[in-house]
Amino acid sequence: MDATHLSQVRIGYVMMAKPKHFEPRPPNSTTIGQHPVVVLTGPDADGKVRVASMSHRHPDNPPQRAASYYNLPVDPVKGEGTISIGTPKIIHFSLLKPTNPQTMMSGQDFARLKADILQHHPGCL
């Protein structure tokens, strides 16, 4: 699969990422498939962005909320997951994959997510 182009990555977009590409790499993540993430920041000088991960079972049990709290999509097969409002994950933008169809959070929902993350980790964004 081709690398994602920077023009496909926008703050507030829901994208897909493999946890093994997060920095630092979570333990036991090499065989875990794609998971949805929300892009929280634009790329830094090295092309890395901060993301909030979505899952049904987050490693280390970070602070989290139901995805529907932020009007995020619910998996029709697996049901509702949660989004981490703990420390954002770091990943190179080229390792993110667009969702189909492309999904973007509303400005109000994104502001709530960002505020919740900053409440737990001031200055992390």
PDB file of N, CA and C in Angstrom:
ATOM      1  N   MET A   1       0.842  -1.170   0.000  1.00  0.00           N
ATOM      2  CA  MET A   1       0.000   0.000   0.000  1.00  0.00           C
ATOM      3  C   MET A   1       0.890   1.237   0.000  1.00  0.00           C
ATOM      4  N   ASP A   2       0.523   2.246  -0.782  1.00  0.00           N
ATOM      5  CA  ASP A   2       1.304   3.471  -0.870  1.00  0.00           C
ATOM      6  C   ASP A   2       1.253   4.244   0.436  1.00  0.00           C
ATOM      7  N   ALA A   3       2.310   5.020   0.664  1.00  0.00           N
ATOM      8  CA  ALA A   3       2.347   5.886   1.840  1.00  0.00           C
ATOM      9  C   ALA A   3       1.280   6.963   1.702  1.00  0.00           C
ATOM     10  N   THR A   4       0.778   7.385   2.822  1.00  0.00           N
ATOM     11  CA  THR A   4      -0.221   8.443   2.843  1.00  0.00           C
ATOM     12  C   THR A   4       0.452   9.773   2.537  1.00  0.00           C
ATOM     13  N   HIS A   5      -0.169  10.579   1.703  1.00  0.00           N
ATOM     14  CA  HIS A   5       0.343  11.902   1.366  1.00  0.00           C
ATOM     15  C   HIS A   5      -0.098  12.887   2.447  1.00  0.00           C
ATOM     16  N   LEU A   6       0.744  13.867   2.706  1.00  0.00           N
ATOM     17  CA  LEU A   6       0.459  14.851   3.754  1.00  0.00           C
ATOM     18  C   LEU A   6      -0.898  15.526   3.558  1.00  0.00           C
ATOM     19  N   SER A   7      -1.317  15.714   2.310  1.00  0.00           N
ATOM     20  CA  SER A   7      -2.601  16.379   2.056  1.00  0.00           C
ATOM     21  C   SER A   7      -3.791  15.556   2.542  1.00  0.00           C
ATOM     22  N   GLN A   8      -3.583  14.262   2.828  1.00  0.00           N
ATOM     23  CA  GLN A   8      -4.665  13.399   3.313  1.00  0.00           C
ATOM     24  C   GLN A   8      -4.803  13.434   4.833  1.00  0.00           C
ATOM     25  N   VAL A   9      -3.868  14.098   5.509  1.00  0.00           N
ATOM     26  CA  VAL A   9      -3.841  14.104   6.978  1.00  0.00           C
ATOM     27  C   VAL A   9      -4.232  15.489   7.472  1.00  0.00           C
ATOM     28  N   ARG A  10      -5.336  15.567   8.189  1.00  0.00           N
ATOM     29  CA  ARG A  10      -5.827  16.841   8.717  1.00  0.00           C
ATOM     30  C   ARG A  10      -6.187  16.673  10.188  1.00  0.00           C
ATOM     31  N   ILE A  11      -5.990  17.748  10.941  1.00  0.00           N
ATOM     32  CA  ILE A  11      -6.374  17.738  12.350  1.00  0.00           C
ATOM     33  C   ILE A  11      -7.875  17.460  12.439  1.00  0.00           C
ATOM     34  N   GLY A  12      -8.247  16.517  13.308  1.00  0.00           N
ATOM     35  CA  GLY A  12      -9.645  16.145  13.481  1.00  0.00           C
ATOM     36  C   GLY A  12     -10.086  14.971  12.626  1.00  0.00           C
ATOM     37  N   TYR A  13      -9.245  14.531  11.685  1.00  0.00           N
ATOM     38  CA  TYR A  13      -9.594  13.371  10.865  1.00  0.00           C
ATOM     39  C   TYR A  13      -9.477  12.091  11.682  1.00  0.00           C
ATOM     40  N   VAL A  14     -10.375  11.161  11.409  1.00  0.00           N
ATOM     41  CA  VAL A  14     -10.250   9.800  11.923  1.00  0.00           C
ATOM     42  C   VAL A  14      -9.492   9.028  10.848  1.00  0.00           C
ATOM     43  N   MET A  15      -8.388   8.400  11.251  1.00  0.00           N
ATOM     44  CA  MET A  15      -7.562   7.640  10.320  1.00  0.00           C
ATOM     45  C   MET A  15      -7.266   6.282  10.934  1.00  0.00           C
ATOM     46  N   MET A  16      -6.558   5.449  10.209  1.00  0.00           N
ATOM     47  CA  MET A  16      -6.204   4.119  10.698  1.00  0.00           C
ATOM     48  C   MET A  16      -4.695   4.045  10.890  1.00  0.00           C
ATOM     49  N   ALA A  17      -4.283   3.325  11.946  1.00  0.00           N
ATOM     50  CA  ALA A  17      -2.857   3.175  12.242  1.00  0.00           C
ATOM     51  C   ALA A  17      -2.611   1.828  12.899  1.00  0.00           C
ATOM     52  N   LYS A  18      -1.433   1.300  12.667  1.00  0.00           N
ATOM     53  CA  LYS A  18      -1.013   0.082  13.363  1.00  0.00           C
ATOM     54  C   LYS A  18      -0.277   0.501  14.632  1.00  0.00           C
ATOM     55  N   PRO A  19      -0.703   0.010  15.790  1.00  0.00           N
ATOM     56  CA  PRO A  19      -0.047   0.390  17.044  1.00  0.00           C
ATOM     57  C   PRO A  19       1.457   0.145  17.053  1.00  0.00           C
ATOM     58  N   LYS A  20       1.951  -0.812  16.271  1.00  0.00           N
ATOM     59  CA  LYS A  20       3.397  -1.063  16.265  1.00  0.00           C
ATOM     60  C   LYS A  20       4.182   0.125  15.705  1.00  0.00           C
ATOM     61  N   HIS A  21       3.492   1.072  15.045  1.00  0.00           N
ATOM     62  CA  HIS A  21       4.162   2.257  14.515  1.00  0.00           C
ATOM     63  C   HIS A  21       4.157   3.430  15.498  1.00  0.00           C
ATOM     64  N   PHE A  22       3.463   3.289  16.637  1.00  0.00           N
ATOM     65  CA  PHE A  22       3.453   4.363  17.633  1.00  0.00           C
ATOM     66  C   PHE A  22       4.836   4.497  18.258  1.00  0.00           C
ATOM     67  N   GLU A  23       5.166   5.711  18.666  1.00  0.00           N
ATOM     68  CA  GLU A  23       6.410   5.963  19.398  1.00  0.00           C
ATOM     69  C   GLU A  23       6.046   6.444  20.793  1.00  0.00           C
ATOM     70  N   PRO A  24       6.542   5.795  21.834  1.00  0.00           N
ATOM     71  CA  PRO A  24       7.263   4.527  21.793  1.00  0.00           C
ATOM     72  C   PRO A  24       6.303   3.380  21.443  1.00  0.00           C
ATOM     73  N   ARG A  25       6.876   2.301  20.930  1.00  0.00           N
ATOM     74  CA  ARG A  25       6.070   1.150  20.511  1.00  0.00           C
ATOM     75  C   ARG A  25       5.480   0.456  21.734  1.00  0.00           C
ATOM     76  N   PRO A  26       4.150   0.253  21.755  1.00  0.00           N
ATOM     77  CA  PRO A  26       3.542  -0.474  22.878  1.00  0.00           C
ATOM     78  C   PRO A  26       4.016  -1.929  22.905  1.00  0.00           C
ATOM     79  N   PRO A  27       4.121  -2.514  24.095  1.00  0.00           N
ATOM     80  CA  PRO A  27       4.512  -3.922  24.171  1.00  0.00           C
ATOM     81  C   PRO A  27       3.483  -4.815  23.474  1.00  0.00           C
ATOM     82  N   ASN A  28       3.950  -5.886  22.892  1.00  0.00           N
ATOM     83  CA  ASN A  28       3.093  -6.892  22.241  1.00  0.00           C
ATOM     84  C   ASN A  28       2.225  -6.323  21.120  1.00  0.00           C
ATOM     85  N   SER A  29       2.706  -5.310  20.419  1.00  0.00           N
ATOM     86  CA  SER A  29       1.881  -4.667  19.393  1.00  0.00           C
ATOM     87  C   SER A  29       2.207  -5.109  17.969  1.00  0.00           C
ATOM     88  N   THR A  30       3.170  -5.991  17.798  1.00  0.00           N
ATOM     89  CA  THR A  30       3.602  -6.331  16.437  1.00  0.00           C
ATOM     90  C   THR A  30       2.536  -7.050  15.619  1.00  0.00           C
ATOM     91  N   THR A  31       1.627  -7.757  16.254  1.00  0.00           N
ATOM     92  CA  THR A  31       0.613  -8.507  15.504  1.00  0.00           C
ATOM     93  C   THR A  31      -0.766  -7.852  15.533  1.00  0.00           C
ATOM     94  N   ILE A  32      -0.872  -6.693  16.148  1.00  0.00           N
ATOM     95  CA  ILE A  32      -2.168  -6.010  16.241  1.00  0.00           C
ATOM     96  C   ILE A  32      -2.427  -5.260  14.945  1.00  0.00           C
ATOM     97  N   GLY A  33      -3.631  -5.405  14.413  1.00  0.00           N
ATOM     98  CA  GLY A  33      -3.994  -4.770  13.148  1.00  0.00           C
ATOM     99  C   GLY A  33      -4.300  -3.287  13.293  1.00  0.00           C
ATOM    100  N   GLN A  34      -4.814  -2.729  12.218  1.00  0.00           N
ATOM    101  CA  GLN A  34      -5.145  -1.306  12.160  1.00  0.00           C
ATOM    102  C   GLN A  34      -6.207  -0.944  13.195  1.00  0.00           C
ATOM    103  N   HIS A  35      -6.033   0.208  13.814  1.00  0.00           N
ATOM    104  CA  HIS A  35      -7.006   0.759  14.752  1.00  0.00           C
ATOM    105  C   HIS A  35      -7.294   2.207  14.362  1.00  0.00           C
ATOM    106  N   PRO A  36      -8.498   2.682  14.626  1.00  0.00           N
ATOM    107  CA  PRO A  36      -8.774   4.088  14.344  1.00  0.00           C
ATOM    108  C   PRO A  36      -8.032   4.992  15.326  1.00  0.00           C
ATOM    109  N   VAL A  37      -7.632   6.147  14.823  1.00  0.00           N
ATOM    110  CA  VAL A  37      -7.017   7.193  15.635  1.00  0.00           C
ATOM    111  C   VAL A  37      -7.593   8.525  15.183  1.00  0.00           C
ATOM    112  N   VAL A  38      -7.536   9.523  16.056  1.00  0.00           N
ATOM    113  CA  VAL A  38      -7.924  10.882  15.692  1.00  0.00           C
ATOM    114  C   VAL A  38      -6.657  11.716  15.649  1.00  0.00           C
ATOM    115  N   VAL A  39      -6.438  12.414  14.540  1.00  0.00           N
ATOM    116  CA  VAL A  39      -5.268  13.270  14.390  1.00  0.00           C
ATOM    117  C   VAL A  39      -5.473  14.518  15.251  1.00  0.00           C
ATOM    118  N   LEU A  40      -4.536  14.748  16.187  1.00  0.00           N
ATOM    119  CA  LEU A  40      -4.650  15.856  17.137  1.00  0.00           C
ATOM    120  C   LEU A  40      -3.802  17.060  16.770  1.00  0.00           C
ATOM    121  N   THR A  41      -2.706  16.836  16.042  1.00  0.00           N
ATOM    122  CA  THR A  41      -1.792  17.926  15.688  1.00  0.00           C
ATOM    123  C   THR A  41      -1.358  17.780  14.236  1.00  0.00           C
ATOM    124  N   GLY A  42      -0.885  18.875  13.681  1.00  0.00           N
ATOM    125  CA  GLY A  42      -0.235  18.805  12.383  1.00  0.00           C
ATOM    126  C   GLY A  42       1.147  18.196  12.557  1.00  0.00           C
ATOM    127  N   PRO A  43       1.828  17.888  11.452  1.00  0.00           N
ATOM    128  CA  PRO A  43       3.144  17.267  11.552  1.00  0.00           C
ATOM    129  C   PRO A  43       4.208  18.235  12.064  1.00  0.00           C
ATOM    130  N   ASP A  44       5.142  17.692  12.843  1.00  0.00           N
ATOM    131  CA  ASP A  44       6.286  18.489  13.280  1.00  0.00           C
ATOM    132  C   ASP A  44       7.343  18.458  12.168  1.00  0.00           C
ATOM    133  N   ALA A  45       8.535  18.977  12.446  1.00  0.00           N
ATOM    134  CA  ALA A  45       9.599  19.052  11.437  1.00  0.00           C
ATOM    135  C   ALA A  45      10.015  17.679  10.920  1.00  0.00           C
ATOM    136  N   ASP A  46       9.777  16.631  11.715  1.00  0.00           N
ATOM    137  CA  ASP A  46      10.119  15.265  11.311  1.00  0.00           C
ATOM    138  C   ASP A  46       8.941  14.520  10.692  1.00  0.00           C
ATOM    139  N   GLY A  47       7.801  15.202  10.514  1.00  0.00           N
ATOM    140  CA  GLY A  47       6.634  14.563   9.920  1.00  0.00           C
ATOM    141  C   GLY A  47       5.788  13.769  10.894  1.00  0.00           C
ATOM    142  N   LYS A  48       6.039  13.953  12.189  1.00  0.00           N
ATOM    143  CA  LYS A  48       5.300  13.181  13.197  1.00  0.00           C
ATOM    144  C   LYS A  48       4.110  13.981  13.719  1.00  0.00           C
ATOM    145  N   VAL A  49       3.003  13.268  13.925  1.00  0.00           N
ATOM    146  CA  VAL A  49       1.779  13.868  14.457  1.00  0.00           C
ATOM    147  C   VAL A  49       1.413  13.174  15.760  1.00  0.00           C
ATOM    148  N   ARG A  50       0.600  13.833  16.557  1.00  0.00           N
ATOM    149  CA  ARG A  50       0.064  13.227  17.777  1.00  0.00           C
ATOM    150  C   ARG A  50      -1.362  12.787  17.480  1.00  0.00           C
ATOM    151  N   VAL A  51      -1.704  11.601  17.981  1.00  0.00           N
ATOM    152  CA  VAL A  51      -3.025  11.036  17.737  1.00  0.00           C
ATOM    153  C   VAL A  51      -3.611  10.486  19.033  1.00  0.00           C
ATOM    154  N   ALA A  52      -4.936  10.436  19.084  1.00  0.00           N
ATOM    155  CA  ALA A  52      -5.659   9.760  20.169  1.00  0.00           C
ATOM    156  C   ALA A  52      -6.130   8.428  19.607  1.00  0.00           C
ATOM    157  N   SER A  53      -5.786   7.348  20.279  1.00  0.00           N
ATOM    158  CA  SER A  53      -6.117   6.018  19.765  1.00  0.00           C
ATOM    159  C   SER A  53      -7.494   5.563  20.230  1.00  0.00           C
ATOM    160  N   MET A  54      -8.135   4.769  19.380  1.00  0.00           N
ATOM    161  CA  MET A  54      -9.422   4.166  19.707  1.00  0.00           C
ATOM    162  C   MET A  54      -9.232   2.656  19.778  1.00  0.00           C
ATOM    163  N   SER A  55      -9.921   2.027  20.719  1.00  0.00           N
ATOM    164  CA  SER A  55      -9.768   0.586  20.895  1.00  0.00           C
ATOM    165  C   SER A  55     -10.908   0.046  21.746  1.00  0.00           C
ATOM    166  N   HIS A  56     -11.003  -1.270  21.793  1.00  0.00           N
ATOM    167  CA  HIS A  56     -11.901  -1.931  22.738  1.00  0.00           C
ATOM    168  C   HIS A  56     -11.145  -2.340  23.990  1.00  0.00           C
ATOM    169  N   ARG A  57      -9.801  -2.298  23.894  1.00  0.00           N
ATOM    170  CA  ARG A  57      -8.970  -2.672  25.044  1.00  0.00           C
ATOM    171  C   ARG A  57      -7.614  -1.974  24.907  1.00  0.00           C
ATOM    172  N   HIS A  58      -7.494  -0.828  25.538  1.00  0.00           N
ATOM    173  CA  HIS A  58      -6.250  -0.052  25.476  1.00  0.00           C
ATOM    174  C   HIS A  58      -5.198  -0.667  26.400  1.00  0.00           C
ATOM    175  N   PRO A  59      -3.945  -0.769  25.918  1.00  0.00           N
ATOM    176  CA  PRO A  59      -2.873  -1.217  26.812  1.00  0.00           C
ATOM    177  C   PRO A  59      -2.687  -0.217  27.955  1.00  0.00           C
ATOM    178  N   ASP A  60      -2.380  -0.683  29.122  1.00  0.00           N
ATOM    179  CA  ASP A  60      -2.112   0.148  30.306  1.00  0.00           C
ATOM    180  C   ASP A  60      -3.327   0.922  30.810  1.00  0.00           C
ATOM    181  N   ASN A  61      -4.504   0.676  30.238  1.00  0.00           N
ATOM    182  CA  ASN A  61      -5.755   1.264  30.719  1.00  0.00           C
ATOM    183  C   ASN A  61      -5.660   2.775  30.974  1.00  0.00           C
ATOM    184  N   PRO A  62      -5.381   3.588  29.925  1.00  0.00           N
ATOM    185  CA  PRO A  62      -5.309   5.038  30.110  1.00  0.00           C
ATOM    186  C   PRO A  62      -6.697   5.614  30.366  1.00  0.00           C
ATOM    187  N   PRO A  63      -6.778   6.879  30.786  1.00  0.00           N
ATOM    188  CA  PRO A  63      -8.096   7.518  30.870  1.00  0.00           C
ATOM    189  C   PRO A  63      -8.761   7.430  29.491  1.00  0.00           C
ATOM    190  N   GLN A  64     -10.055   7.166  29.462  1.00  0.00           N
ATOM    191  CA  GLN A  64     -10.748   6.988  28.184  1.00  0.00           C
ATOM    192  C   GLN A  64     -12.226   7.316  28.315  1.00  0.00           C
ATOM    193  N   ARG A  65     -12.844   7.556  27.177  1.00  0.00           N
ATOM    194  CA  ARG A  65     -14.289   7.806  27.109  1.00  0.00           C
ATOM    195  C   ARG A  65     -14.866   6.989  25.959  1.00  0.00           C
ATOM    196  N   ALA A  66     -16.154   6.745  26.036  1.00  0.00           N
ATOM    197  CA  ALA A  66     -16.843   6.057  24.942  1.00  0.00           C
ATOM    198  C   ALA A  66     -16.716   6.891  23.669  1.00  0.00           C
ATOM    199  N   ALA A  67     -16.511   6.230  22.546  1.00  0.00           N
ATOM    200  CA  ALA A  67     -16.367   6.930  21.268  1.00  0.00           C
ATOM    201  C   ALA A  67     -17.592   7.790  20.965  1.00  0.00           C
ATOM    202  N   SER A  68     -18.765   7.308  21.327  1.00  0.00           N
ATOM    203  CA  SER A  68     -19.993   8.048  21.028  1.00  0.00           C
ATOM    204  C   SER A  68     -20.080   9.371  21.784  1.00  0.00           C
ATOM    205  N   TYR A  69     -19.345   9.516  22.875  1.00  0.00           N
ATOM    206  CA  TYR A  69     -19.330  10.778  23.622  1.00  0.00           C
ATOM    207  C   TYR A  69     -18.876  11.928  22.718  1.00  0.00           C
ATOM    208  N   TYR A  70     -18.002  11.613  21.777  1.00  0.00           N
ATOM    209  CA  TYR A  70     -17.497  12.611  20.828  1.00  0.00           C
ATOM    210  C   TYR A  70     -18.114  12.437  19.438  1.00  0.00           C
ATOM    211  N   ASN A  71     -19.215  11.688  19.367  1.00  0.00           N
ATOM    212  CA  ASN A  71     -19.904  11.419  18.099  1.00  0.00           C
ATOM    213  C   ASN A  71     -19.000  10.740  17.073  1.00  0.00           C
ATOM    214  N   LEU A  72     -18.117   9.874  17.559  1.00  0.00           N
ATOM    215  CA  LEU A  72     -17.248   9.105  16.672  1.00  0.00           C
ATOM    216  C   LEU A  72     -17.965   7.838  16.222  1.00  0.00           C
ATOM    217  N   PRO A  73     -17.573   7.291  15.073  1.00  0.00           N
ATOM    218  CA  PRO A  73     -18.258   6.108  14.552  1.00  0.00           C
ATOM    219  C   PRO A  73     -18.136   4.903  15.482  1.00  0.00           C
ATOM    220  N   VAL A  74     -19.174   4.086  15.477  1.00  0.00           N
ATOM    221  CA  VAL A  74     -19.200   2.845  16.249  1.00  0.00           C
ATOM    222  C   VAL A  74     -19.069   1.688  15.265  1.00  0.00           C
ATOM    223  N   ASP A  75     -18.167   0.765  15.551  1.00  0.00           N
ATOM    224  CA  ASP A  75     -17.954  -0.399  14.686  1.00  0.00           C
ATOM    225  C   ASP A  75     -19.233  -1.230  14.655  1.00  0.00           C
ATOM    226  N   PRO A  76     -19.799  -1.473  13.451  1.00  0.00           N
ATOM    227  CA  PRO A  76     -21.060  -2.217  13.372  1.00  0.00           C
ATOM    228  C   PRO A  76     -20.934  -3.674  13.808  1.00  0.00           C
ATOM    229  N   VAL A  77     -19.727  -4.229  13.791  1.00  0.00           N
ATOM    230  CA  VAL A  77     -19.525  -5.627  14.171  1.00  0.00           C
ATOM    231  C   VAL A  77     -19.079  -5.742  15.625  1.00  0.00           C
ATOM    232  N   LYS A  78     -18.054  -4.989  15.989  1.00  0.00           N
ATOM    233  CA  LYS A  78     -17.468  -5.099  17.330  1.00  0.00           C
ATOM    234  C   LYS A  78     -18.180  -4.250  18.373  1.00  0.00           C
ATOM    235  N   GLY A  79     -18.987  -3.306  17.928  1.00  0.00           N
ATOM    236  CA  GLY A  79     -19.660  -2.429  18.876  1.00  0.00           C
ATOM    237  C   GLY A  79     -18.794  -1.242  19.255  1.00  0.00           C
ATOM    238  N   GLU A  80     -19.246  -0.544  20.266  1.00  0.00           N
ATOM    239  CA  GLU A  80     -18.585   0.705  20.641  1.00  0.00           C
ATOM    240  C   GLU A  80     -17.253   0.476  21.330  1.00  0.00           C
ATOM    241  N   GLY A  81     -16.256   1.215  20.884  1.00  0.00           N
ATOM    242  CA  GLY A  81     -14.949   1.230  21.532  1.00  0.00           C
ATOM    243  C   GLY A  81     -14.803   2.506  22.333  1.00  0.00           C
ATOM    244  N   THR A  82     -13.609   2.705  22.841  1.00  0.00           N
ATOM    245  CA  THR A  82     -13.319   3.921  23.593  1.00  0.00           C
ATOM    246  C   THR A  82     -12.162   4.654  22.934  1.00  0.00           C
ATOM    247  N   ILE A  83     -12.052   5.930  23.253  1.00  0.00           N
ATOM    248  CA  ILE A  83     -10.935   6.733  22.778  1.00  0.00           C
ATOM    249  C   ILE A  83     -10.098   7.127  23.981  1.00  0.00           C
ATOM    250  N   SER A  84      -8.795   6.995  23.840  1.00  0.00           N
ATOM    251  CA  SER A  84      -7.889   7.343  24.927  1.00  0.00           C
ATOM    252  C   SER A  84      -7.833   8.856  25.079  1.00  0.00           C
ATOM    253  N   ILE A  85      -8.016   9.319  26.306  1.00  0.00           N
ATOM    254  CA  ILE A  85      -7.804  10.735  26.598  1.00  0.00           C
ATOM    255  C   ILE A  85      -6.570  10.872  27.486  1.00  0.00           C
ATOM    256  N   GLY A  86      -5.728   9.833  27.427  1.00  0.00           N
ATOM    257  CA  GLY A  86      -4.435   9.861  28.106  1.00  0.00           C
ATOM    258  C   GLY A  86      -3.395  10.505  27.203  1.00  0.00           C
ATOM    259  N   THR A  87      -2.137  10.195  27.445  1.00  0.00           N
ATOM    260  CA  THR A  87      -1.048  10.762  26.656  1.00  0.00           C
ATOM    261  C   THR A  87      -1.224  10.403  25.183  1.00  0.00           C
ATOM    262  N   PRO A  88      -1.230  11.403  24.290  1.00  0.00           N
ATOM    263  CA  PRO A  88      -1.364  11.096  22.864  1.00  0.00           C
ATOM    264  C   PRO A  88      -0.213  10.230  22.359  1.00  0.00           C
ATOM    265  N   LYS A  89      -0.504   9.443  21.350  1.00  0.00           N
ATOM    266  CA  LYS A  89       0.505   8.619  20.692  1.00  0.00           C
ATOM    267  C   LYS A  89       1.178   9.462  19.607  1.00  0.00           C
ATOM    268  N   ILE A  90       2.410   9.110  19.261  1.00  0.00           N
ATOM    269  CA  ILE A  90       3.153   9.805  18.211  1.00  0.00           C
ATOM    270  C   ILE A  90       3.385   8.816  17.077  1.00  0.00           C
ATOM    271  N   ILE A  91       3.164   9.283  15.838  1.00  0.00           N
ATOM    272  CA  ILE A  91       3.339   8.430  14.660  1.00  0.00           C
ATOM    273  C   ILE A  91       3.679   9.314  13.464  1.00  0.00           C
ATOM    274  N   HIS A  92       4.468   8.798  12.529  1.00  0.00           N
ATOM    275  CA  HIS A  92       4.766   9.550  11.311  1.00  0.00           C
ATOM    276  C   HIS A  92       3.512   9.574  10.443  1.00  0.00           C
ATOM    277  N   PHE A  93       3.223  10.751   9.868  1.00  0.00           N
ATOM    278  CA  PHE A  93       1.977  10.894   9.108  1.00  0.00           C
ATOM    279  C   PHE A  93       1.873   9.894   7.962  1.00  0.00           C
ATOM    280  N   SER A  94       2.995   9.487   7.374  1.00  0.00           N
ATOM    281  CA  SER A  94       2.949   8.582   6.223  1.00  0.00           C
ATOM    282  C   SER A  94       2.479   7.178   6.592  1.00  0.00           C
ATOM    283  N   LEU A  95       2.454   6.874   7.901  1.00  0.00           N
ATOM    284  CA  LEU A  95       2.015   5.553   8.358  1.00  0.00           C
ATOM    285  C   LEU A  95       0.524   5.518   8.688  1.00  0.00           C
ATOM    286  N   LEU A  96      -0.148   6.655   8.570  1.00  0.00           N
ATOM    287  CA  LEU A  96      -1.596   6.719   8.763  1.00  0.00           C
ATOM    288  C   LEU A  96      -2.289   6.376   7.455  1.00  0.00           C
ATOM    289  N   LYS A  97      -3.442   5.751   7.548  1.00  0.00           N
ATOM    290  CA  LYS A  97      -4.221   5.397   6.363  1.00  0.00           C
ATOM    291  C   LYS A  97      -5.605   6.031   6.473  1.00  0.00           C
ATOM    292  N   PRO A  98      -6.127   6.579   5.372  1.00  0.00           N
ATOM    293  CA  PRO A  98      -7.458   7.180   5.410  1.00  0.00           C
ATOM    294  C   PRO A  98      -8.543   6.133   5.668  1.00  0.00           C
ATOM    295  N   THR A  99      -9.614   6.559   6.295  1.00  0.00           N
ATOM    296  CA  THR A  99     -10.784   5.698   6.433  1.00  0.00           C
ATOM    297  C   THR A  99     -11.610   5.828   5.158  1.00  0.00           C
ATOM    298  N   ASN A 100     -12.490   4.861   4.934  1.00  0.00           N
ATOM    299  CA  ASN A 100     -13.342   4.917   3.759  1.00  0.00           C
ATOM    300  C   ASN A 100     -14.776   4.668   4.193  1.00  0.00           C
ATOM    301  N   PRO A 101     -15.642   5.667   4.154  1.00  0.00           N
ATOM    302  CA  PRO A 101     -15.379   7.026   3.697  1.00  0.00           C
ATOM    303  C   PRO A 101     -14.568   7.809   4.736  1.00  0.00           C
ATOM    304  N   GLN A 102     -13.907   8.880   4.267  1.00  0.00           N
ATOM    305  CA  GLN A 102     -13.116   9.718   5.166  1.00  0.00           C
ATOM    306  C   GLN A 102     -14.035  10.333   6.218  1.00  0.00           C
ATOM    307  N   THR A 103     -13.605  10.281   7.474  1.00  0.00           N
ATOM    308  CA  THR A 103     -14.405  10.789   8.587  1.00  0.00           C
ATOM    309  C   THR A 103     -13.642  11.896   9.288  1.00  0.00           C
ATOM    310  N   MET A 104     -14.342  12.982   9.602  1.00  0.00           N
ATOM    311  CA  MET A 104     -13.737  14.091  10.335  1.00  0.00           C
ATOM    312  C   MET A 104     -14.648  14.465  11.492  1.00  0.00           C
ATOM    313  N   MET A 105     -14.040  14.732  12.650  1.00  0.00           N
ATOM    314  CA  MET A 105     -14.821  15.162  13.808  1.00  0.00           C
ATOM    315  C   MET A 105     -15.345  16.572  13.576  1.00  0.00           C
ATOM    316  N   SER A 106     -16.473  16.895  14.188  1.00  0.00           N
ATOM    317  CA  SER A 106     -16.952  18.274  14.153  1.00  0.00           C
ATOM    318  C   SER A 106     -16.014  19.125  15.004  1.00  0.00           C
ATOM    319  N   GLY A 107     -16.001  20.409  14.763  1.00  0.00           N
ATOM    320  CA  GLY A 107     -15.155  21.312  15.541  1.00  0.00           C
ATOM    321  C   GLY A 107     -15.472  21.260  17.022  1.00  0.00           C
ATOM    322  N   GLN A 108     -16.761  21.180  17.359  1.00  0.00           N
ATOM    323  CA  GLN A 108     -17.177  21.139  18.763  1.00  0.00           C
ATOM    324  C   GLN A 108     -16.724  19.842  19.433  1.00  0.00           C
ATOM    325  N   ASP A 109     -16.897  18.709  18.764  1.00  0.00           N
ATOM    326  CA  ASP A 109     -16.477  17.428  19.343  1.00  0.00           C
ATOM    327  C   ASP A 109     -14.957  17.361  19.479  1.00  0.00           C
ATOM    328  N   PHE A 110     -14.235  17.884  18.473  1.00  0.00           N
ATOM    329  CA  PHE A 110     -12.776  17.886  18.543  1.00  0.00           C
ATOM    330  C   PHE A 110     -12.301  18.765  19.701  1.00  0.00           C
ATOM    331  N   ALA A 111     -12.922  19.913  19.892  1.00  0.00           N
ATOM    332  CA  ALA A 111     -12.540  20.802  21.000  1.00  0.00           C
ATOM    333  C   ALA A 111     -12.763  20.111  22.345  1.00  0.00           C
ATOM    334  N   ARG A 112     -13.861  19.348  22.472  1.00  0.00           N
ATOM    335  CA  ARG A 112     -14.115  18.605  23.721  1.00  0.00           C
ATOM    336  C   ARG A 112     -13.060  17.536  23.953  1.00  0.00           C
ATOM    337  N   LEU A 113     -12.701  16.807  22.885  1.00  0.00           N
ATOM    338  CA  LEU A 113     -11.672  15.774  22.994  1.00  0.00           C
ATOM    339  C   LEU A 113     -10.343  16.393  23.418  1.00  0.00           C
ATOM    340  N   LYS A 114      -9.953  17.454  22.760  1.00  0.00           N
ATOM    341  CA  LYS A 114      -8.684  18.114  23.073  1.00  0.00           C
ATOM    342  C   LYS A 114      -8.681  18.624  24.516  1.00  0.00           C
ATOM    343  N   ALA A 115      -9.787  19.219  24.959  1.00  0.00           N
ATOM    344  CA  ALA A 115      -9.879  19.714  26.343  1.00  0.00           C
ATOM    345  C   ALA A 115      -9.762  18.569  27.341  1.00  0.00           C
ATOM    346  N   ASP A 116     -10.392  17.436  27.047  1.00  0.00           N
ATOM    347  CA  ASP A 116     -10.309  16.282  27.952  1.00  0.00           C
ATOM    348  C   ASP A 116      -8.881  15.744  28.031  1.00  0.00           C
ATOM    349  N   ILE A 117      -8.192  15.695  26.899  1.00  0.00           N
ATOM    350  CA  ILE A 117      -6.796  15.237  26.902  1.00  0.00           C
ATOM    351  C   ILE A 117      -5.929  16.205  27.698  1.00  0.00           C
ATOM    352  N   LEU A 118      -6.097  17.496  27.459  1.00  0.00           N
ATOM    353  CA  LEU A 118      -5.283  18.499  28.157  1.00  0.00           C
ATOM    354  C   LEU A 118      -5.567  18.526  29.655  1.00  0.00           C
ATOM    355  N   GLN A 119      -6.772  18.147  30.058  1.00  0.00           N
ATOM    356  CA  GLN A 119      -7.095  18.068  31.484  1.00  0.00           C
ATOM    357  C   GLN A 119      -6.217  17.015  32.162  1.00  0.00           C
ATOM    358  N   HIS A 120      -5.970  15.911  31.479  1.00  0.00           N
ATOM    359  CA  HIS A 120      -5.152  14.829  32.041  1.00  0.00           C
ATOM    360  C   HIS A 120      -3.661  15.062  31.825  1.00  0.00           C
ATOM    361  N   HIS A 121      -3.313  15.757  30.730  1.00  0.00           N
ATOM    362  CA  HIS A 121      -1.902  15.960  30.372  1.00  0.00           C
ATOM    363  C   HIS A 121      -1.692  17.379  29.852  1.00  0.00           C
ATOM    364  N   PRO A 122      -1.703  18.378  30.746  1.00  0.00           N
ATOM    365  CA  PRO A 122      -1.526  19.771  30.305  1.00  0.00           C
ATOM    366  C   PRO A 122      -0.248  19.939  29.478  1.00  0.00           C
ATOM    367  N   GLY A 123      -0.362  20.691  28.408  1.00  0.00           N
ATOM    368  CA  GLY A 123       0.796  21.007  27.581  1.00  0.00           C
ATOM    369  C   GLY A 123       1.249  19.918  26.638  1.00  0.00           C
ATOM    370  N   CYS A 124       0.497  18.814  26.538  1.00  0.00           N
ATOM    371  CA  CYS A 124       0.952  17.695  25.697  1.00  0.00           C
ATOM    372  C   CYS A 124       0.663  17.910  24.217  1.00  0.00           C
ATOM    373  N   LEU A 125      -0.133  18.914  23.885  1.00  0.00           N
ATOM    374  CA  LEU A 125      -0.468  19.137  22.467  1.00  0.00           C
ATOM    375  C   LEU A 125       0.129  20.429  21.969  1.00  0.00           C
TER     376      LEU A 125
END
